[in-house]
Amino acid sequence: MAEDESEHAVDEAPRPPRGKTWLLIGVPALLIPLAAAGGYYWATSADASSAEAPARVEEAAPTQEMPGGIVTLNPFTVNLSDTEASRFLRATIELAVPTSEEAARLTADVVRQARARAAILDVLTQQQAADLSTQEGKARVKEAIAKAVEGAMAPVEVMDVLFTDFVIQF
């Protein structure tokens, strides 16, 4: 009978106590969601703190308003002067002028806006896509537009030409 008990004892593997089984399964089951929640909190709080940081810098810096006003023109869609293919440009242009009063006056003056649009169209239709694809080409076009608009809307000083939309179809 002693042999039977010893054979029976060798066949059975020792079982871990029930309390340890719960620890092996329960602890990771609880820690994984807690780690995920902590990671989410850390990621969202890092985004919030980085979004607040520039605001704090802006508050600390002295506020200097840029004098001037903006004249927003309707979008332009033009054929470019490329000879090898038909290419188009779609651009929205804003003109920076010295004062907001002058911007309001130009926005209300339909005739002067029409003259400015015609002058801008003349400049844009003379351009080629390859030239407009570079920063230098865009800078030259901005200068040409500013001169053309100043001539068409005299006596207006155009401080800057801003492209708020600029798409070339190749």
Protein backbone atom coordinates (compact mmCIF):
# COMPACT_ATOMS: atom_id res chain seq x y z
CA MET A 1 0.00 0.00 0.00
CA ALA A 2 2.95 2.26 0.60
CA GLU A 3 3.97 1.77 -3.01
CA ASP A 4 0.55 2.85 -4.25
CA GLU A 5 0.68 6.07 -2.27
CA SER A 6 4.17 6.92 -3.50
CA GLU A 7 3.23 6.21 -7.15
CA HIS A 8 0.09 8.29 -6.73
CA ALA A 9 2.11 11.15 -5.26
CA VAL A 10 4.61 11.12 -8.15
CA ASP A 11 1.87 11.23 -10.84
CA GLU A 12 0.19 14.33 -9.48
CA ALA A 13 1.92 17.65 -10.03
CA PRO A 14 1.87 19.94 -7.08
CA ARG A 15 -0.85 22.55 -7.40
CA PRO A 16 -0.32 26.13 -6.36
CA PRO A 17 -2.56 27.20 -3.53
CA ARG A 18 -5.81 28.91 -4.63
CA GLY A 19 -4.77 32.28 -3.28
CA LYS A 20 -1.68 32.42 -5.51
CA THR A 21 -3.69 31.61 -8.65
CA TRP A 22 -5.85 34.66 -8.03
CA LEU A 23 -2.73 36.79 -7.65
CA LEU A 24 -1.22 35.50 -10.89
CA ILE A 25 -4.37 36.37 -12.88
CA GLY A 26 -6.00 39.17 -10.90
CA VAL A 27 -3.05 41.50 -10.41
CA PRO A 28 -2.16 41.78 -14.12
CA ALA A 29 -5.87 42.08 -14.96
CA LEU A 30 -6.05 45.11 -12.69
CA LEU A 31 -2.69 46.64 -13.56
CA ILE A 32 -3.14 46.68 -17.35
CA PRO A 33 -6.23 48.98 -17.34
CA LEU A 34 -4.62 51.19 -14.68
CA ALA A 35 -1.45 51.51 -16.76
CA ALA A 36 -3.50 52.35 -19.85
CA ALA A 37 -5.46 55.00 -17.93
CA GLY A 38 -2.22 56.48 -16.57
CA GLY A 39 -0.70 56.59 -20.04
CA TYR A 40 -3.78 58.32 -21.44
CA TYR A 41 -3.71 60.88 -18.63
CA TRP A 42 0.00 61.54 -19.15
CA ALA A 43 -0.43 61.93 -22.92
CA THR A 44 -3.37 64.32 -22.65
CA SER A 45 -1.84 66.36 -19.85
CA ALA A 46 1.38 66.74 -21.86
CA ASP A 47 -0.64 68.09 -24.81
CA ALA A 48 -2.49 70.49 -22.55
CA SER A 49 0.67 71.81 -20.92
CA SER A 50 2.40 72.29 -24.28
CA ALA A 51 -0.67 74.11 -25.60
CA GLU A 52 -0.64 76.41 -22.57
CA ALA A 53 3.08 77.15 -22.78
CA PRO A 54 2.91 79.43 -25.86
CA ALA A 55 -0.03 81.27 -24.30
CA ARG A 56 2.07 82.02 -21.23
CA VAL A 57 4.91 83.29 -23.42
CA GLU A 58 2.51 85.53 -25.32
CA GLU A 59 1.11 86.94 -22.08
CA ALA A 60 4.59 87.75 -20.82
CA ALA A 61 5.65 89.47 -24.04
CA PRO A 62 4.57 93.07 -24.50
CA THR A 63 1.67 93.32 -26.89
CA GLN A 64 2.38 95.37 -29.96
CA GLU A 65 -0.40 95.57 -32.47
CA MET A 66 0.63 95.66 -36.06
CA PRO A 67 -0.75 98.87 -37.48
CA GLY A 68 -2.69 98.47 -40.64
CA GLY A 69 -5.58 96.73 -42.22
CA ILE A 70 -6.31 93.88 -44.55
CA VAL A 71 -8.24 94.01 -47.81
CA THR A 72 -9.49 90.52 -48.68
CA LEU A 73 -10.12 89.87 -52.35
CA ASN A 74 -12.26 87.12 -53.84
CA PRO A 75 -10.30 84.02 -54.96
CA PHE A 76 -8.54 84.08 -58.32
CA THR A 77 -8.52 81.18 -60.80
CA VAL A 78 -6.30 81.83 -63.80
CA ASN A 79 -4.67 80.02 -66.71
CA LEU A 80 -0.91 80.22 -66.44
CA SER A 81 1.27 81.05 -69.45
CA ASP A 82 2.88 77.59 -69.71
CA THR A 83 3.23 76.52 -73.35
CA GLU A 84 3.83 72.79 -72.90
CA ALA A 85 0.57 72.13 -71.00
CA SER A 86 -2.54 73.84 -69.72
CA ARG A 87 -1.91 74.77 -66.08
CA PHE A 88 -4.08 76.66 -63.63
CA LEU A 89 -3.55 78.68 -60.48
CA ARG A 90 -6.09 79.19 -57.73
CA ALA A 91 -5.08 81.82 -55.19
CA THR A 92 -6.74 83.88 -52.51
CA ILE A 93 -4.95 87.15 -51.95
CA GLU A 94 -5.12 89.67 -49.14
CA LEU A 95 -3.53 93.10 -49.30
CA ALA A 96 -2.00 94.67 -46.19
CA VAL A 97 -2.48 98.45 -46.15
CA PRO A 98 -1.25 101.04 -43.61
CA THR A 99 -4.50 101.65 -41.68
CA SER A 100 -7.69 99.79 -40.92
CA GLU A 101 -9.66 102.86 -42.05
CA GLU A 102 -8.02 102.67 -45.47
CA ALA A 103 -8.78 98.93 -45.61
CA ALA A 104 -12.45 99.61 -44.84
CA ARG A 105 -12.57 102.36 -47.47
CA LEU A 106 -10.98 100.08 -50.13
CA THR A 107 -13.27 97.19 -49.25
CA ALA A 108 -16.31 99.41 -49.73
CA ASP A 109 -15.06 100.91 -53.03
CA VAL A 110 -16.19 98.43 -55.69
CA VAL A 111 -14.53 100.29 -58.58
CA ARG A 112 -11.10 100.35 -56.96
CA GLN A 113 -11.41 96.67 -56.05
CA ALA A 114 -12.27 95.83 -59.66
CA ARG A 115 -9.20 97.75 -60.83
CA ALA A 116 -7.04 95.89 -58.31
CA ARG A 117 -8.44 92.52 -59.39
CA ALA A 118 -7.78 93.36 -63.07
CA ALA A 119 -4.21 94.37 -62.28
CA ILE A 120 -3.64 91.17 -60.28
CA LEU A 121 -5.12 89.05 -63.07
CA ASP A 122 -2.73 90.66 -65.55
CA VAL A 123 0.24 89.76 -63.32
CA LEU A 124 -0.90 86.20 -62.57
CA THR A 125 -1.70 85.22 -66.16
CA GLN A 126 1.87 86.09 -67.21
CA GLN A 127 3.37 83.57 -64.75
CA GLN A 128 4.55 80.02 -65.37
CA ALA A 129 3.98 77.12 -62.98
CA ALA A 130 7.69 76.36 -62.57
CA ASP A 131 8.36 79.94 -61.43
CA LEU A 132 5.46 79.94 -58.98
CA SER A 133 6.61 76.67 -57.42
CA THR A 134 9.65 78.30 -55.80
CA GLN A 135 9.81 80.72 -52.89
CA GLU A 136 11.77 83.20 -54.99
CA GLY A 137 9.13 83.05 -57.72
CA LYS A 138 6.35 83.72 -55.21
CA ALA A 139 8.30 86.65 -53.77
CA ARG A 140 8.72 88.18 -57.25
CA VAL A 141 4.99 87.75 -57.92
CA LYS A 142 4.13 89.40 -54.60
CA GLU A 143 6.29 92.41 -55.52
CA ALA A 144 4.73 92.61 -58.99
CA ILE A 145 1.22 92.41 -57.53
CA ALA A 146 1.99 95.14 -54.98
CA LYS A 147 3.28 97.49 -57.72
CA ALA A 148 0.36 96.71 -60.03
CA VAL A 149 -2.22 97.30 -57.28
CA GLU A 150 -0.57 100.53 -56.16
CA GLY A 151 -0.75 101.75 -59.76
CA ALA A 152 -4.38 100.69 -60.19
CA MET A 153 -5.64 101.95 -56.82
CA ALA A 154 -3.47 105.06 -56.45
CA PRO A 155 -2.76 106.63 -54.00
CA VAL A 156 -2.69 103.37 -51.99
CA GLU A 157 0.41 101.92 -50.37
CA VAL A 158 0.39 98.12 -50.33
CA MET A 159 2.61 97.05 -47.43
CA ASP A 160 2.39 93.32 -48.17
CA VAL A 161 0.65 90.82 -50.41
CA LEU A 162 -0.51 87.73 -48.54
CA PHE A 163 -1.41 84.43 -50.20
CA THR A 164 -3.97 82.69 -47.99
CA ASP A 165 -4.63 79.98 -50.60
CA PHE A 166 -2.24 79.00 -53.38
CA VAL A 167 -2.79 75.90 -55.51
CA ILE A 168 -1.14 75.15 -58.86
CA GLN A 169 -2.72 72.45 -61.01
CA PHE A 170 -0.01 70.61 -62.94
